[in-house]
N, C-alpha and C. Protein backbone atom coordinates (compact mmCIF):
# COMPACT_ATOMS: atom_id res chain seq x y z
N MET A 1 -18.77 -11.45 -9.23
CA MET A 1 -18.38 -9.73 -8.39
C MET A 1 -17.33 -8.99 -9.48
N SER A 2 -17.60 -8.13 -9.70
CA SER A 2 -17.17 -6.54 -10.51
C SER A 2 -15.11 -7.20 -10.17
N LYS A 3 -14.20 -6.78 -11.06
CA LYS A 3 -12.84 -6.87 -10.67
C LYS A 3 -12.81 -5.78 -9.59
N PHE A 4 -13.45 -4.50 -9.61
CA PHE A 4 -12.86 -3.53 -8.70
C PHE A 4 -13.02 -3.81 -7.29
N VAL A 5 -14.51 -4.49 -7.10
CA VAL A 5 -14.44 -5.02 -5.83
C VAL A 5 -13.75 -5.91 -5.47
N VAL A 6 -12.96 -7.22 -6.28
CA VAL A 6 -11.95 -8.26 -6.24
C VAL A 6 -10.85 -7.48 -5.78
N ARG A 7 -10.30 -6.51 -6.56
CA ARG A 7 -9.33 -5.74 -6.23
C ARG A 7 -9.46 -4.96 -4.57
N PHE A 8 -10.18 -3.91 -4.60
CA PHE A 8 -10.49 -3.80 -3.18
C PHE A 8 -10.15 -4.38 -1.87
N LEU A 9 -10.96 -5.55 -2.21
CA LEU A 9 -11.21 -6.71 -0.94
C LEU A 9 -9.91 -7.09 -0.54
N ALA A 10 -8.92 -7.53 -2.17
CA ALA A 10 -7.66 -7.98 -2.00
C ALA A 10 -6.62 -6.83 -1.14
N VAL A 11 -7.01 -5.60 -1.39
CA VAL A 11 -6.04 -4.79 -0.92
C VAL A 11 -6.41 -5.08 1.07
N VAL A 12 -8.12 -5.14 0.91
CA VAL A 12 -8.37 -5.15 2.78
C VAL A 12 -7.83 -6.46 3.05
N LEU A 13 -7.56 -7.23 2.47
CA LEU A 13 -7.20 -8.78 3.17
C LEU A 13 -5.41 -8.37 2.90
N GLY A 14 -4.94 -7.53 2.33
CA GLY A 14 -3.54 -7.64 2.23
C GLY A 14 -3.06 -6.50 3.56
N LEU A 15 -3.88 -5.61 3.53
CA LEU A 15 -4.01 -4.80 4.85
C LEU A 15 -3.64 -5.89 5.94
N PHE A 16 -4.83 -6.46 6.24
CA PHE A 16 -4.96 -7.40 7.41
C PHE A 16 -3.45 -8.68 7.63
N VAL A 17 -3.10 -8.85 6.66
CA VAL A 17 -2.22 -10.15 6.63
C VAL A 17 -0.96 -9.11 6.94
N ALA A 18 -0.56 -7.45 6.63
CA ALA A 18 0.48 -7.00 6.91
C ALA A 18 0.52 -7.11 8.39
N ALA A 19 -0.66 -6.41 8.77
CA ALA A 19 -0.67 -6.25 10.38
C ALA A 19 -0.44 -7.56 11.19
N HIS A 20 -0.88 -8.47 10.77
CA HIS A 20 -0.64 -9.43 11.47
C HIS A 20 1.16 -10.33 11.43
N LEU A 21 1.47 -9.79 10.16
CA LEU A 21 2.96 -10.20 10.18
C LEU A 21 3.94 -9.38 10.62
N ILE A 22 3.66 -8.00 10.23
CA ILE A 22 4.72 -7.06 10.54
C ILE A 22 4.36 -6.36 11.80
N GLU A 23 5.47 -6.25 12.49
CA GLU A 23 5.77 -5.70 13.71
C GLU A 23 6.05 -4.08 13.45
N GLY A 24 5.07 -3.36 13.70
CA GLY A 24 4.87 -1.89 13.59
C GLY A 24 4.20 -1.34 12.26
N VAL A 25 2.67 -2.61 11.88
CA VAL A 25 2.22 -2.19 11.34
C VAL A 25 0.60 -2.47 12.04
N THR A 26 -0.29 -1.85 12.34
CA THR A 26 -1.31 -2.05 13.17
C THR A 26 -2.58 -1.60 12.38
N ILE A 27 -3.59 -2.34 12.15
CA ILE A 27 -4.84 -1.99 11.98
C ILE A 27 -6.02 -2.04 13.39
N SER A 28 -7.18 -1.04 13.13
CA SER A 28 -7.83 -1.32 14.64
C SER A 28 -8.73 -2.18 13.96
N GLY A 29 -9.49 -1.99 12.46
CA GLY A 29 -10.42 -2.85 12.64
C GLY A 29 -11.12 -2.71 10.93
N ILE A 30 -12.27 -3.55 10.91
CA ILE A 30 -12.45 -3.78 8.80
C ILE A 30 -12.59 -2.17 8.81
N TYR A 31 -13.49 -1.27 9.37
CA TYR A 31 -13.46 -0.06 8.85
C TYR A 31 -12.53 0.88 8.77
N SER A 32 -11.28 1.11 9.29
CA SER A 32 -9.95 1.40 8.97
C SER A 32 -9.06 1.13 7.87
N ALA A 33 -9.53 -0.50 7.81
CA ALA A 33 -8.74 -1.33 6.47
C ALA A 33 -9.69 -0.99 5.59
N ILE A 34 -11.01 -0.30 5.48
CA ILE A 34 -11.82 -0.03 3.76
C ILE A 34 -11.06 1.19 3.55
N ILE A 35 -11.12 2.33 4.79
CA ILE A 35 -10.57 3.71 4.60
C ILE A 35 -9.25 3.70 3.98
N VAL A 36 -8.52 2.99 4.53
CA VAL A 36 -6.80 2.73 4.26
C VAL A 36 -6.86 2.66 2.24
N ALA A 37 -7.84 1.38 2.43
CA ALA A 37 -8.26 0.78 1.09
C ALA A 37 -8.40 1.93 -0.03
N VAL A 38 -8.98 2.74 0.15
CA VAL A 38 -9.49 3.98 -0.22
C VAL A 38 -8.64 4.90 -0.57
N PHE A 39 -8.00 5.38 0.71
CA PHE A 39 -6.86 6.51 0.79
C PHE A 39 -5.90 5.61 -0.43
N LEU A 40 -5.43 4.37 -0.15
CA LEU A 40 -4.27 3.77 -1.11
C LEU A 40 -4.76 4.08 -2.54
N GLY A 41 -5.68 3.55 -2.84
CA GLY A 41 -6.59 3.62 -4.23
C GLY A 41 -6.27 5.08 -4.73
N LEU A 42 -6.75 6.36 -3.57
CA LEU A 42 -6.89 7.48 -4.49
C LEU A 42 -5.31 7.76 -4.75
N MET A 43 -4.43 8.08 -3.69
CA MET A 43 -2.88 8.16 -3.80
C MET A 43 -2.39 7.50 -4.76
N ASN A 44 -2.65 6.37 -5.08
CA ASN A 44 -1.96 5.08 -6.32
C ASN A 44 -2.58 5.89 -7.41
N VAL A 45 -3.90 6.50 -7.56
CA VAL A 45 -4.32 7.23 -9.14
C VAL A 45 -3.92 8.60 -9.39
N LEU A 46 -3.98 9.36 -7.98
CA LEU A 46 -3.85 11.01 -8.10
C LEU A 46 -2.19 11.22 -7.62
N VAL A 47 -1.46 10.63 -6.50
CA VAL A 47 -0.20 11.34 -6.31
C VAL A 47 0.88 10.47 -7.03
N ARG A 48 0.59 9.09 -7.04
CA ARG A 48 1.59 8.10 -7.38
C ARG A 48 2.29 8.64 -8.86
N PRO A 49 1.65 8.54 -9.79
CA PRO A 49 2.07 8.92 -11.00
C PRO A 49 2.81 10.85 -11.15
N VAL A 50 2.69 11.23 -10.48
CA VAL A 50 3.43 12.77 -10.30
C VAL A 50 4.57 12.04 -10.06
N LEU A 51 4.64 11.60 -8.43
CA LEU A 51 5.89 11.40 -7.76
C LEU A 51 7.08 10.35 -9.02
N VAL A 52 6.35 9.83 -9.81
CA VAL A 52 6.82 8.70 -10.35
C VAL A 52 7.37 9.42 -11.22
N ILE A 53 6.66 10.46 -12.01
CA ILE A 53 7.39 11.42 -12.63
C ILE A 53 8.72 12.42 -12.24
N LEU A 54 8.20 13.01 -11.38
CA LEU A 54 9.07 13.80 -10.59
C LEU A 54 10.63 13.03 -10.02
N THR A 55 10.49 11.75 -10.10
CA THR A 55 11.56 10.90 -9.55
C THR A 55 12.00 10.12 -10.65
N LEU A 56 12.08 10.16 -11.95
CA LEU A 56 12.05 9.60 -12.75
C LEU A 56 13.71 9.11 -12.80
N PRO A 57 14.39 10.32 -13.18
CA PRO A 57 16.27 9.74 -12.76
C PRO A 57 16.65 9.02 -12.15
N ILE A 58 16.31 9.17 -10.73
CA ILE A 58 16.72 8.21 -9.62
C ILE A 58 16.30 6.68 -9.80
N THR A 59 14.65 6.91 -10.45
CA THR A 59 13.80 5.55 -10.57
C THR A 59 14.68 4.55 -11.74
N ILE A 60 15.01 5.06 -12.69
CA ILE A 60 15.97 4.97 -13.92
C ILE A 60 17.35 4.30 -13.41
N ALA A 61 17.96 5.09 -12.58
CA ALA A 61 19.43 4.85 -12.45
C ALA A 61 18.94 3.66 -11.29
N THR A 62 18.18 3.81 -10.09
CA THR A 62 18.14 2.47 -9.61
C THR A 62 17.31 1.32 -10.20
N LEU A 63 17.08 1.31 -11.21
CA LEU A 63 16.74 0.06 -12.38
C LEU A 63 14.94 -0.43 -11.83
N GLY A 64 14.26 0.90 -11.51
CA GLY A 64 12.84 0.95 -10.88
C GLY A 64 12.89 0.77 -9.51
N LEU A 65 14.05 0.24 -8.78
CA LEU A 65 13.62 -0.29 -7.14
C LEU A 65 13.55 1.08 -6.51
N PHE A 66 13.33 2.32 -6.81
CA PHE A 66 12.81 3.71 -6.20
C PHE A 66 11.65 3.37 -5.66
N LEU A 67 10.88 2.81 -7.11
CA LEU A 67 9.20 2.80 -7.00
C LEU A 67 8.82 2.22 -5.57
N PHE A 68 9.77 1.38 -5.00
CA PHE A 68 9.14 0.57 -3.64
C PHE A 68 9.54 1.76 -2.37
N VAL A 69 10.29 2.63 -2.60
CA VAL A 69 10.31 3.63 -1.72
C VAL A 69 9.11 4.75 -2.08
N ILE A 70 9.08 4.78 -3.26
CA ILE A 70 7.58 5.74 -3.53
C ILE A 70 6.50 5.19 -2.57
N ASN A 71 6.10 4.00 -3.10
CA ASN A 71 5.18 3.07 -2.43
C ASN A 71 5.07 3.23 -0.31
N ALA A 72 6.47 2.58 -0.05
CA ALA A 72 6.67 2.66 1.43
C ALA A 72 6.17 4.20 1.62
N LEU A 73 6.67 5.42 1.27
CA LEU A 73 6.61 6.30 1.43
C LEU A 73 4.86 6.96 1.55
N ILE A 74 4.12 6.57 0.56
CA ILE A 74 3.05 6.74 0.50
C ILE A 74 2.12 6.02 1.75
N PHE A 75 2.54 4.92 1.88
CA PHE A 75 2.04 3.75 2.77
C PHE A 75 2.14 4.24 4.11
N LEU A 76 3.18 5.18 4.33
CA LEU A 76 3.84 5.60 5.66
C LEU A 76 2.84 7.08 5.84
N PHE A 77 2.75 7.85 4.60
CA PHE A 77 1.71 8.53 4.99
C PHE A 77 0.31 8.83 5.25
N ILE A 78 0.08 7.33 4.78
CA ILE A 78 -1.22 7.31 4.97
C ILE A 78 -1.45 6.91 6.83
N GLY A 79 -0.36 6.12 7.01
CA GLY A 79 -0.47 5.77 8.20
C GLY A 79 -0.73 6.91 9.46
N THR A 80 -0.12 8.31 9.24
CA THR A 80 -0.40 9.64 9.30
C THR A 80 -1.76 9.95 9.23
N ILE A 81 -2.34 9.90 8.99
CA ILE A 81 -3.72 10.59 8.44
C ILE A 81 -4.91 9.69 8.88
N VAL A 82 -4.85 8.41 8.75
CA VAL A 82 -5.93 7.26 9.09
C VAL A 82 -5.84 6.88 10.43
N LYS A 83 -7.14 7.47 11.15
CA LYS A 83 -6.71 7.28 12.50
C LYS A 83 -7.28 5.37 12.90
N GLY A 84 -6.77 4.96 13.55
CA GLY A 84 -6.77 3.54 13.45
C GLY A 84 -5.72 2.34 12.33
N PHE A 85 -4.95 3.21 12.00
CA PHE A 85 -3.81 2.50 11.22
C PHE A 85 -2.93 3.11 11.43
N ASP A 86 -1.93 2.82 12.07
CA ASP A 86 -0.29 3.27 12.48
C ASP A 86 0.53 2.14 11.51
N VAL A 87 1.67 3.08 11.14
CA VAL A 87 2.76 2.46 10.70
C VAL A 87 3.79 3.20 11.58
N GLU A 88 5.12 2.53 11.80
CA GLU A 88 6.00 2.84 13.02
C GLU A 88 7.20 3.14 12.05
N GLY A 89 7.34 3.33 11.12
CA GLY A 89 8.59 3.38 10.47
C GLY A 89 8.82 3.20 9.01
N PHE A 90 9.96 3.57 8.30
CA PHE A 90 9.89 3.41 6.58
C PHE A 90 9.65 1.82 6.53
N ILE A 91 10.64 0.78 7.22
CA ILE A 91 11.17 -0.37 6.83
C ILE A 91 9.56 -0.97 7.01
N PRO A 92 8.31 -1.04 8.31
CA PRO A 92 7.65 -1.59 8.27
C PRO A 92 6.60 -1.29 7.38
N ALA A 93 6.76 -0.06 6.67
CA ALA A 93 5.97 0.55 5.49
C ALA A 93 6.26 -0.13 4.54
N LEU A 94 7.57 -0.33 4.44
CA LEU A 94 8.10 -1.13 3.05
C LEU A 94 7.40 -2.24 2.96
N PHE A 95 7.86 -3.27 4.34
CA PHE A 95 7.47 -4.38 4.15
C PHE A 95 5.82 -4.48 4.09
N GLY A 96 5.13 -3.77 4.50
CA GLY A 96 3.81 -3.41 4.60
C GLY A 96 3.36 -3.12 3.26
N THR A 97 3.67 -2.56 2.26
CA THR A 97 3.60 -2.06 0.83
C THR A 97 3.90 -3.66 0.14
N LEU A 98 4.51 -4.21 0.26
CA LEU A 98 4.98 -5.48 -0.18
C LEU A 98 4.30 -6.72 -0.19
N ILE A 99 3.70 -6.88 0.79
CA ILE A 99 2.77 -7.75 1.53
C ILE A 99 1.52 -7.51 0.63
N VAL A 100 0.68 -5.99 1.27
CA VAL A 100 -0.38 -5.70 0.15
C VAL A 100 -0.08 -5.87 -1.20
N SER A 101 0.69 -5.42 -1.80
CA SER A 101 1.00 -5.60 -3.43
C SER A 101 1.23 -7.19 -3.92
N THR A 102 1.42 -8.02 -3.18
CA THR A 102 1.64 -9.71 -3.67
C THR A 102 0.52 -10.06 -3.13
N ILE A 103 -0.19 -9.71 -2.12
CA ILE A 103 -1.66 -10.40 -2.08
C ILE A 103 -2.57 -9.86 -3.26
N SER A 104 -2.37 -8.59 -3.25
CA SER A 104 -3.36 -8.36 -4.47
C SER A 104 -3.31 -8.65 -6.05
N TRP A 105 -1.87 -8.74 -5.57
CA TRP A 105 -1.30 -9.26 -7.50
C TRP A 105 -2.00 -10.71 -7.48
N PHE A 106 -1.69 -11.54 -6.37
CA PHE A 106 -2.13 -12.99 -6.52
C PHE A 106 -3.57 -13.15 -6.40
N ILE A 107 -3.98 -12.47 -5.66
CA ILE A 107 -5.93 -12.38 -5.82
C ILE A 107 -6.56 -11.97 -7.45
N GLN A 108 -5.84 -11.51 -8.01
CA GLN A 108 -6.04 -10.81 -9.55
C GLN A 108 -6.07 -11.65 -10.10
N LYS A 109 -4.65 -12.70 -10.22
CA LYS A 109 -4.18 -13.43 -10.96
C LYS A 109 -5.41 -14.51 -10.83
N ILE A 110 -5.61 -15.04 -9.72
CA ILE A 110 -6.01 -16.18 -9.46
C ILE A 110 -8.22 -16.22 -9.86
N THR A 111 -8.09 -14.52 -9.85
CA THR A 111 -9.88 -14.81 -10.22
C THR A 111 -9.86 -14.15 -11.56
């Protein structure tokens, strides 16, 4: 399998794990998980770099921790636009992104 497919499936798996572990993150099925993974990929490629540049001073002041806030806000935003994927606040979004990122990173490292 190509690295792209592995990364994509890792994000989908991470979404299901996050929905299972975190109260406040729900996903209705595989179709919703695939759509969310596509949106996450698009947002991380198109929107996140702009947000990182715009918030560079606060990111530097917080030693990079503000990047977690940016990721959580993107996750929360996707929860508002994708039907079947609900995120009930900032804290569930923050923990959801941590789980999805960790699982995705781990799967990429072992493959």
